[in-house]
C-alpha atoms as a PDB file:
ATOM      1  CA  GLN A   1       3.830  10.967 -15.200  1.00  0.00           C
ATOM      2  CA  VAL A   2       4.103   9.077 -11.908  1.00  0.00           C
ATOM      3  CA  GLN A   3       4.433   5.333 -11.557  1.00  0.00           C
ATOM      4  CA  LEU A   4       4.009   3.225  -8.440  1.00  0.00           C
ATOM      5  CA  VAL A   5       5.878  -0.056  -8.255  1.00  0.00           C
ATOM      6  CA  GLU A   6       5.087  -2.523  -5.484  1.00  0.00           C
ATOM      7  CA  SER A   7       7.409  -5.202  -4.196  1.00  0.00           C
ATOM      8  CA  GLY A   8       7.745  -7.569  -1.271  1.00  0.00           C
ATOM      9  CA  GLY A   9       4.835  -9.889  -1.845  1.00  0.00           C
ATOM     10  CA  GLY A  10       5.124 -13.633  -1.790  1.00  0.00           C
ATOM     11  CA  LEU A  11       4.186 -16.818   0.005  1.00  0.00           C
ATOM     12  CA  VAL A  12       4.365 -16.919   3.779  1.00  0.00           C
ATOM     13  CA  GLN A  13       3.116 -19.285   6.471  1.00  0.00           C
ATOM     14  CA  PRO A  14       0.403 -18.229   8.908  1.00  0.00           C
ATOM     15  CA  GLY A  15       1.899 -16.146  11.677  1.00  0.00           C
ATOM     16  CA  GLY A  16       4.716 -14.970   9.466  1.00  0.00           C
ATOM     17  CA  SER A  17       5.612 -11.502   8.292  1.00  0.00           C
ATOM     18  CA  LEU A  18       6.075  -9.634   5.053  1.00  0.00           C
ATOM     19  CA  ARG A  19       7.075  -6.084   4.264  1.00  0.00           C
ATOM     20  CA  LEU A  20       5.615  -4.475   1.185  1.00  0.00           C
ATOM     21  CA  SER A  21       7.230  -1.509  -0.489  1.00  0.00           C
ATOM     22  CA  CYS A  22       5.839   0.940  -2.996  1.00  0.00           C
ATOM     23  CA  ALA A  23       8.182   3.323  -4.746  1.00  0.00           C
ATOM     24  CA  ALA A  24       6.935   6.324  -6.659  1.00  0.00           C
ATOM     25  CA  SER A  25       8.841   7.740  -9.582  1.00  0.00           C
ATOM     26  CA  GLY A  26       8.177  10.457 -12.080  1.00  0.00           C
ATOM     27  CA  THR A  27       7.356  14.128 -12.111  1.00  0.00           C
ATOM     28  CA  PHE A  28       4.535  16.655 -12.189  1.00  0.00           C
ATOM     29  CA  VAL A  29       2.594  15.221  -9.263  1.00  0.00           C
ATOM     30  CA  ARG A  30       2.866  16.296  -5.650  1.00  0.00           C
ATOM     31  CA  ILE A  31       1.902  13.291  -3.586  1.00  0.00           C
ATOM     32  CA  ASN A  32      -0.094  13.896  -0.431  1.00  0.00           C
ATOM     33  CA  SER A  33      -1.441  10.677   1.053  1.00  0.00           C
ATOM     34  CA  MET A  34      -0.577   7.092   0.166  1.00  0.00           C
ATOM     35  CA  GLY A  35      -2.383   3.912   0.946  1.00  0.00           C
ATOM     36  CA  TRP A  36      -2.527   0.182   0.577  1.00  0.00           C
ATOM     37  CA  TYR A  37      -5.564  -1.645  -0.728  1.00  0.00           C
ATOM     38  CA  ARG A  38      -6.116  -5.343  -1.211  1.00  0.00           C
ATOM     39  CA  GLN A  39      -8.427  -7.503  -3.233  1.00  0.00           C
ATOM     40  CA  ALA A  40      -8.932 -11.177  -2.555  1.00  0.00           C
ATOM     41  CA  ALA A  41     -10.233 -13.507  -5.224  1.00  0.00           C
ATOM     42  CA  GLY A  42     -13.950 -13.015  -5.673  1.00  0.00           C
ATOM     43  CA  LYS A  43     -14.123 -10.104  -3.243  1.00  0.00           C
ATOM     44  CA  GLU A  44     -14.239  -6.342  -3.452  1.00  0.00           C
ATOM     45  CA  ARG A  45     -11.144  -4.224  -3.160  1.00  0.00           C
ATOM     46  CA  GLU A  46     -10.790  -2.792   0.327  1.00  0.00           C
ATOM     47  CA  LEU A  47      -8.655  -0.172   1.979  1.00  0.00           C
ATOM     48  CA  VAL A  48      -6.042  -1.678   4.281  1.00  0.00           C
ATOM     49  CA  ALA A  49      -4.126   1.354   5.503  1.00  0.00           C
ATOM     50  CA  ARG A  50      -3.545   4.960   4.602  1.00  0.00           C
ATOM     51  CA  ILE A  51      -0.888   7.453   5.623  1.00  0.00           C
ATOM     52  CA  SER A  52      -1.066  11.206   5.199  1.00  0.00           C
ATOM     53  CA  SER A  53       1.657  13.676   4.381  1.00  0.00           C
ATOM     54  CA  ASP A  54       2.198  14.330   8.097  1.00  0.00           C
ATOM     55  CA  ALA A  55       2.518  10.570   8.776  1.00  0.00           C
ATOM     56  CA  SER A  56      -0.905  10.206  10.376  1.00  0.00           C
ATOM     57  CA  ALA A  57      -2.035   6.640   9.732  1.00  0.00           C
ATOM     58  CA  THR A  58      -5.364   4.841   9.651  1.00  0.00           C
ATOM     59  CA  TYR A  59      -6.141   1.142   9.356  1.00  0.00           C
ATOM     60  CA  THR A  60      -9.053  -1.083   8.651  1.00  0.00           C
ATOM     61  CA  ASP A  61     -10.185  -2.916  11.780  1.00  0.00           C
ATOM     62  CA  SER A  62      -9.131  -6.347  10.578  1.00  0.00           C
ATOM     63  CA  VAL A  63      -5.433  -5.423  10.469  1.00  0.00           C
ATOM     64  CA  LYS A  64      -5.107  -3.126  13.475  1.00  0.00           C
ATOM     65  CA  GLY A  65      -2.331  -4.270  15.759  1.00  0.00           C
ATOM     66  CA  ARG A  66      -0.798  -6.444  13.058  1.00  0.00           C
ATOM     67  CA  PHE A  67       0.012  -4.118  10.158  1.00  0.00           C
ATOM     68  CA  THR A  68       1.984  -0.890  10.194  1.00  0.00           C
ATOM     69  CA  ILE A  69       2.139   1.633   7.389  1.00  0.00           C
ATOM     70  CA  SER A  70       5.021   4.063   7.095  1.00  0.00           C
ATOM     71  CA  ARG A  71       6.584   6.311   4.506  1.00  0.00           C
ATOM     72  CA  ASP A  72       9.932   7.754   3.575  1.00  0.00           C
ATOM     73  CA  ASN A  73       9.283  11.038   1.843  1.00  0.00           C
ATOM     74  CA  ALA A  74      12.902  11.419   0.760  1.00  0.00           C
ATOM     75  CA  LYS A  75      12.655   8.130  -1.133  1.00  0.00           C
ATOM     76  CA  ASN A  76       9.050   8.618  -2.249  1.00  0.00           C
ATOM     77  CA  THR A  77       8.299   5.224  -0.806  1.00  0.00           C
ATOM     78  CA  VAL A  78       5.530   3.815   1.359  1.00  0.00           C
ATOM     79  CA  TYR A  79       5.803   0.561   3.294  1.00  0.00           C
ATOM     80  CA  LEU A  80       3.399  -1.899   4.805  1.00  0.00           C
ATOM     81  CA  GLN A  81       4.814  -4.110   7.525  1.00  0.00           C
ATOM     82  CA  MET A  82       2.528  -7.112   7.929  1.00  0.00           C
ATOM     83  CA  ASN A  83       2.922  -9.283  11.001  1.00  0.00           C
ATOM     84  CA  SER A  84       0.945 -12.222  12.355  1.00  0.00           C
ATOM     85  CA  LEU A  85      -0.371 -12.926   8.901  1.00  0.00           C
ATOM     86  CA  LYS A  86      -3.523 -14.957   8.500  1.00  0.00           C
ATOM     87  CA  PRO A  87      -4.849 -16.902   5.510  1.00  0.00           C
ATOM     88  CA  GLU A  88      -7.604 -14.323   5.153  1.00  0.00           C
ATOM     89  CA  ASP A  89      -4.925 -11.715   4.463  1.00  0.00           C
ATOM     90  CA  SER A  90      -4.199 -13.416   1.147  1.00  0.00           C
ATOM     91  CA  ALA A  91      -4.896 -10.975  -1.661  1.00  0.00           C
ATOM     92  CA  VAL A  92      -3.360  -8.804  -4.297  1.00  0.00           C
ATOM     93  CA  TYR A  93      -2.123  -5.697  -2.535  1.00  0.00           C
ATOM     94  CA  TYR A  94      -2.217  -2.407  -4.400  1.00  0.00           C
ATOM     95  CA  CYS A  95      -0.424   0.799  -3.610  1.00  0.00           C
ATOM     96  CA  GLN A  96      -2.271   4.060  -4.166  1.00  0.00           C
ATOM     97  CA  ALA A  97      -1.105   7.651  -4.109  1.00  0.00           C
ATOM     98  CA  LEU A  98      -3.302  10.728  -3.953  1.00  0.00           C
ATOM     99  CA  GLY A  99      -1.790  13.958  -5.121  1.00  0.00           C
ATOM    100  CA  VAL A 100      -2.048  17.096  -7.169  1.00  0.00           C
ATOM    101  CA  ARG A 101      -0.736  17.653 -10.662  1.00  0.00           C
ATOM    102  CA  THR A 102       1.717  20.502 -10.260  1.00  0.00           C
ATOM    103  CA  GLU A 103       1.165  21.955 -13.695  1.00  0.00           C
ATOM    104  CA  PHE A 104      -2.620  21.682 -13.807  1.00  0.00           C
ATOM    105  CA  ALA A 105      -3.639  21.891 -10.130  1.00  0.00           C
ATOM    106  CA  THR A 106      -5.938  18.908 -10.385  1.00  0.00           C
ATOM    107  CA  THR A 107      -6.302  15.973  -8.035  1.00  0.00           C
ATOM    108  CA  VAL A 108      -5.115  12.583  -9.238  1.00  0.00           C
ATOM    109  CA  ALA A 109      -5.185   9.045  -7.907  1.00  0.00           C
ATOM    110  CA  ILE A 110      -2.363   6.764  -8.984  1.00  0.00           C
ATOM    111  CA  TRP A 111      -2.396   2.996  -8.641  1.00  0.00           C
ATOM    112  CA  GLY A 112       0.329   0.411  -8.705  1.00  0.00           C
ATOM    113  CA  GLN A 113      -0.074  -2.878 -10.537  1.00  0.00           C
ATOM    114  CA  GLY A 114      -0.306  -4.938  -7.383  1.00  0.00           C
ATOM    115  CA  THR A 115       1.740  -7.568  -5.605  1.00  0.00           C
ATOM    116  CA  GLN A 116       0.440 -10.986  -4.578  1.00  0.00           C
ATOM    117  CA  VAL A 117       0.444 -11.978  -0.928  1.00  0.00           C
ATOM    118  CA  THR A 118      -0.407 -15.578  -0.135  1.00  0.00           C
ATOM    119  CA  VAL A 119      -0.630 -16.840   3.432  1.00  0.00           C
ATOM    120  CA  SER A 120      -0.741 -20.615   3.506  1.00  0.00           C
ATOM    121  CA  SER A 121       0.818 -23.644   5.138  1.00  0.00           C
END
């Protein structure tokens, strides 16, 4: 009953910036933490950043100091500000939400469809 829609991906030159957004819509799920994952061609999907309900954030080492995750609970939206982008950041970026189904009290993971980020000259 909840959908995640990512936006903000595209083509950017090395050293440039992009801001990804992920908006959640729907009902029956109370979202706790949200995160961004990425998967480059031929590689495994990896966690990029995660933010908890109290705004505590964690990052994978490769993006620390360059990426910032944030959320707007009123808008049910999570953001990923990506600065100093490198070619190795090129991947499909996926938004994920972890929450609890309000009617069934079960944990659920929800995934967006992904947005392409390409860093190239």
